[in-house]
Amino acid sequence: MKPIKLPKEQREAMLDHIQSYFELERGESIGRLAADSLLDFFMNELGPAVYNQALSDCRTLTAQRMQGLEEDIYALEWRVSRK
């Protein structure tokens, strides 16, 4: 599985959030390189699990939508009367 690539703007925003978190929640100041390393660590360690859960959620939603679509198609059937 190849690593998840983030757009530059999104990655930069995440790095800003990481640095802010450490400052506000932990009272620690970390540099950009440390924030970048931490982001890489979490992307590698947590990314696959989050990605797989998103796929599972997508499969569930797709199955629900397909069930609804199938019901809609059955509702379109003409009734054949037998005399």
N, C-alpha and C. Protein backbone atom coordinates (compact mmCIF):
# COMPACT_ATOMS: atom_id res chain seq x y z
N MET A 1 0.85 -1.18 0.00
CA MET A 1 0.00 0.00 0.00
C MET A 1 0.89 1.24 0.00
N LYS A 2 0.63 2.13 -0.93
CA LYS A 2 1.47 3.32 -0.98
C LYS A 2 0.97 4.35 0.02
N PRO A 3 1.88 5.17 0.51
CA PRO A 3 1.51 6.14 1.55
C PRO A 3 0.50 7.17 1.02
N ILE A 4 -0.30 7.66 1.94
CA ILE A 4 -1.29 8.67 1.60
C ILE A 4 -0.58 10.00 1.40
N LYS A 5 -0.83 10.63 0.27
CA LYS A 5 -0.25 11.94 -0.02
C LYS A 5 -1.31 13.00 0.20
N LEU A 6 -0.93 14.03 0.92
CA LEU A 6 -1.84 15.14 1.15
C LEU A 6 -1.45 16.32 0.27
N PRO A 7 -2.43 17.09 -0.17
CA PRO A 7 -2.09 18.32 -0.89
C PRO A 7 -1.27 19.23 0.03
N LYS A 8 -0.37 19.99 -0.57
CA LYS A 8 0.55 20.83 0.21
C LYS A 8 -0.19 21.74 1.19
N GLU A 9 -1.26 22.39 0.73
CA GLU A 9 -2.00 23.31 1.59
C GLU A 9 -2.60 22.59 2.79
N GLN A 10 -3.12 21.40 2.55
CA GLN A 10 -3.73 20.62 3.63
C GLN A 10 -2.65 20.16 4.62
N ARG A 11 -1.52 19.73 4.10
CA ARG A 11 -0.43 19.29 4.98
C ARG A 11 0.06 20.46 5.83
N GLU A 12 0.22 21.62 5.21
CA GLU A 12 0.68 22.80 5.95
C GLU A 12 -0.31 23.17 7.05
N ALA A 13 -1.61 23.09 6.74
CA ALA A 13 -2.63 23.39 7.74
C ALA A 13 -2.55 22.39 8.90
N MET A 14 -2.33 21.12 8.59
CA MET A 14 -2.20 20.11 9.65
C MET A 14 -0.98 20.37 10.52
N LEU A 15 0.10 20.75 9.90
CA LEU A 15 1.31 21.06 10.67
C LEU A 15 1.05 22.25 11.60
N ASP A 16 0.32 23.25 11.11
CA ASP A 16 -0.04 24.39 11.96
C ASP A 16 -0.87 23.91 13.15
N HIS A 17 -1.83 23.01 12.89
CA HIS A 17 -2.68 22.49 13.97
C HIS A 17 -1.87 21.70 15.00
N ILE A 18 -0.94 20.91 14.53
CA ILE A 18 -0.10 20.13 15.44
C ILE A 18 0.72 21.07 16.33
N GLN A 19 1.33 22.07 15.72
CA GLN A 19 2.12 23.02 16.51
C GLN A 19 1.24 23.77 17.51
N SER A 20 0.04 24.17 17.09
CA SER A 20 -0.89 24.87 17.99
C SER A 20 -1.33 23.97 19.13
N TYR A 21 -1.60 22.70 18.81
CA TYR A 21 -2.02 21.75 19.84
C TYR A 21 -0.95 21.63 20.93
N PHE A 22 0.28 21.43 20.51
CA PHE A 22 1.35 21.28 21.49
C PHE A 22 1.50 22.54 22.34
N GLU A 23 1.33 23.69 21.73
CA GLU A 23 1.46 24.95 22.46
C GLU A 23 0.31 25.13 23.45
N LEU A 24 -0.91 24.93 22.99
CA LEU A 24 -2.09 25.18 23.83
C LEU A 24 -2.36 24.08 24.85
N GLU A 25 -2.25 22.83 24.44
CA GLU A 25 -2.64 21.72 25.30
C GLU A 25 -1.50 21.21 26.20
N ARG A 26 -0.30 21.33 25.71
CA ARG A 26 0.83 20.76 26.45
C ARG A 26 1.81 21.81 26.94
N GLY A 27 1.64 23.05 26.49
CA GLY A 27 2.55 24.10 26.91
C GLY A 27 3.95 23.91 26.36
N GLU A 28 4.04 23.18 25.25
CA GLU A 28 5.34 22.91 24.63
C GLU A 28 5.37 23.56 23.25
N SER A 29 6.54 23.99 22.89
CA SER A 29 6.72 24.56 21.56
C SER A 29 7.53 23.56 20.74
N ILE A 30 6.96 23.12 19.62
CA ILE A 30 7.71 22.21 18.75
C ILE A 30 7.91 22.89 17.40
N GLY A 31 8.99 22.56 16.78
CA GLY A 31 9.32 23.14 15.49
C GLY A 31 8.58 22.46 14.35
N ARG A 32 8.77 23.02 13.17
CA ARG A 32 8.09 22.51 11.99
C ARG A 32 8.57 21.09 11.66
N LEU A 33 9.86 20.84 11.81
CA LEU A 33 10.40 19.51 11.51
C LEU A 33 9.82 18.45 12.45
N ALA A 34 9.71 18.80 13.74
CA ALA A 34 9.12 17.86 14.71
C ALA A 34 7.65 17.61 14.38
N ALA A 35 6.92 18.67 14.04
CA ALA A 35 5.51 18.52 13.67
C ALA A 35 5.38 17.66 12.42
N ASP A 36 6.27 17.86 11.46
CA ASP A 36 6.26 17.08 10.23
C ASP A 36 6.53 15.61 10.51
N SER A 37 7.48 15.34 11.38
CA SER A 37 7.79 13.95 11.75
C SER A 37 6.60 13.30 12.47
N LEU A 38 5.96 14.06 13.35
CA LEU A 38 4.81 13.54 14.07
C LEU A 38 3.66 13.26 13.11
N LEU A 39 3.43 14.15 12.16
CA LEU A 39 2.38 13.93 11.16
C LEU A 39 2.67 12.68 10.34
N ASP A 40 3.92 12.52 9.91
CA ASP A 40 4.29 11.31 9.15
C ASP A 40 4.06 10.05 9.97
N PHE A 41 4.44 10.11 11.25
CA PHE A 41 4.26 8.95 12.13
C PHE A 41 2.78 8.56 12.21
N PHE A 42 1.92 9.55 12.48
CA PHE A 42 0.50 9.24 12.60
C PHE A 42 -0.12 8.82 11.28
N MET A 43 0.32 9.43 10.20
CA MET A 43 -0.20 9.03 8.88
C MET A 43 0.16 7.57 8.60
N ASN A 44 1.37 7.17 8.93
CA ASN A 44 1.81 5.79 8.68
C ASN A 44 1.17 4.80 9.64
N GLU A 45 1.00 5.20 10.91
CA GLU A 45 0.47 4.28 11.91
C GLU A 45 -1.05 4.23 11.93
N LEU A 46 -1.70 5.39 11.82
CA LEU A 46 -3.14 5.44 11.93
C LEU A 46 -3.84 5.53 10.57
N GLY A 47 -3.15 6.04 9.58
CA GLY A 47 -3.75 6.25 8.27
C GLY A 47 -4.42 5.01 7.70
N PRO A 48 -3.73 3.86 7.66
CA PRO A 48 -4.37 2.66 7.09
C PRO A 48 -5.65 2.24 7.82
N ALA A 49 -5.66 2.33 9.15
CA ALA A 49 -6.85 1.95 9.91
C ALA A 49 -8.00 2.91 9.63
N VAL A 50 -7.72 4.20 9.58
CA VAL A 50 -8.75 5.19 9.29
C VAL A 50 -9.26 5.01 7.87
N TYR A 51 -8.36 4.78 6.93
CA TYR A 51 -8.72 4.56 5.52
C TYR A 51 -9.61 3.33 5.38
N ASN A 52 -9.22 2.24 6.03
CA ASN A 52 -10.00 1.00 5.94
C ASN A 52 -11.39 1.18 6.56
N GLN A 53 -11.47 1.93 7.67
CA GLN A 53 -12.77 2.18 8.28
C GLN A 53 -13.64 3.02 7.35
N ALA A 54 -13.04 3.99 6.68
CA ALA A 54 -13.79 4.81 5.73
C ALA A 54 -14.33 3.95 4.58
N LEU A 55 -13.53 3.01 4.10
CA LEU A 55 -14.00 2.10 3.06
C LEU A 55 -15.15 1.23 3.56
N SER A 56 -15.04 0.76 4.79
CA SER A 56 -16.11 -0.06 5.38
C SER A 56 -17.40 0.75 5.49
N ASP A 57 -17.28 1.99 5.94
CA ASP A 57 -18.45 2.87 6.03
C ASP A 57 -19.05 3.10 4.65
N CYS A 58 -18.19 3.26 3.66
CA CYS A 58 -18.64 3.47 2.28
C CYS A 58 -19.38 2.24 1.76
N ARG A 59 -18.86 1.05 2.05
CA ARG A 59 -19.53 -0.18 1.63
C ARG A 59 -20.91 -0.29 2.27
N THR A 60 -21.01 0.04 3.55
CA THR A 60 -22.29 -0.02 4.25
C THR A 60 -23.28 0.96 3.63
N LEU A 61 -22.85 2.19 3.40
CA LEU A 61 -23.71 3.20 2.80
C LEU A 61 -24.14 2.80 1.39
N THR A 62 -23.22 2.25 0.61
CA THR A 62 -23.53 1.82 -0.75
C THR A 62 -24.56 0.69 -0.72
N ALA A 63 -24.39 -0.26 0.18
CA ALA A 63 -25.34 -1.37 0.29
C ALA A 63 -26.73 -0.85 0.67
N GLN A 64 -26.80 0.11 1.58
CA GLN A 64 -28.08 0.68 1.97
C GLN A 64 -28.75 1.40 0.79
N ARG A 65 -27.95 2.15 0.06
CA ARG A 65 -28.49 2.88 -1.09
C ARG A 65 -28.94 1.91 -2.18
N MET A 66 -28.18 0.86 -2.40
CA MET A 66 -28.56 -0.13 -3.42
C MET A 66 -29.85 -0.83 -3.02
N GLN A 67 -30.02 -1.12 -1.74
CA GLN A 67 -31.25 -1.75 -1.25
C GLN A 67 -32.43 -0.83 -1.54
N GLY A 68 -32.27 0.46 -1.25
CA GLY A 68 -33.32 1.42 -1.52
C GLY A 68 -33.63 1.53 -3.01
N LEU A 69 -32.59 1.50 -3.82
CA LEU A 69 -32.76 1.57 -5.27
C LEU A 69 -33.50 0.33 -5.77
N GLU A 70 -33.13 -0.83 -5.24
CA GLU A 70 -33.81 -2.07 -5.64
C GLU A 70 -35.29 -2.01 -5.28
N GLU A 71 -35.60 -1.47 -4.11
CA GLU A 71 -37.01 -1.34 -3.71
C GLU A 71 -37.75 -0.39 -4.65
N ASP A 72 -37.08 0.69 -5.05
CA ASP A 72 -37.70 1.65 -5.98
C ASP A 72 -37.97 0.99 -7.34
N ILE A 73 -37.05 0.16 -7.79
CA ILE A 73 -37.22 -0.52 -9.08
C ILE A 73 -38.39 -1.50 -9.00
N TYR A 74 -38.49 -2.26 -7.91
CA TYR A 74 -39.62 -3.18 -7.75
C TYR A 74 -40.94 -2.41 -7.73
N ALA A 75 -40.94 -1.22 -7.15
CA ALA A 75 -42.16 -0.42 -7.09
C ALA A 75 -42.62 0.03 -8.47
N LEU A 76 -41.73 0.04 -9.45
CA LEU A 76 -42.08 0.45 -10.80
C LEU A 76 -42.73 -0.67 -11.62
N GLU A 77 -42.68 -1.89 -11.11
CA GLU A 77 -43.24 -3.01 -11.87
C GLU A 77 -44.74 -2.86 -12.01
N TRP A 78 -45.24 -3.23 -13.18
CA TRP A 78 -46.67 -3.23 -13.43
C TRP A 78 -47.27 -4.50 -12.86
N ARG A 79 -48.41 -4.35 -12.31
CA ARG A 79 -49.12 -5.50 -11.79
C ARG A 79 -49.84 -6.20 -12.95
N VAL A 80 -49.69 -7.48 -13.02
CA VAL A 80 -50.36 -8.26 -14.06
C VAL A 80 -51.62 -8.85 -13.45
N SER A 81 -52.76 -8.49 -14.02
CA SER A 81 -54.01 -9.01 -13.47
C SER A 81 -54.35 -10.33 -14.13
N ARG A 82 -54.84 -11.24 -13.36
CA ARG A 82 -55.24 -12.56 -13.87
C ARG A 82 -56.75 -12.66 -13.79
N LYS A 83 -57.36 -12.91 -14.91
CA LYS A 83 -58.84 -12.98 -14.92
C LYS A 83 -59.31 -14.39 -15.07
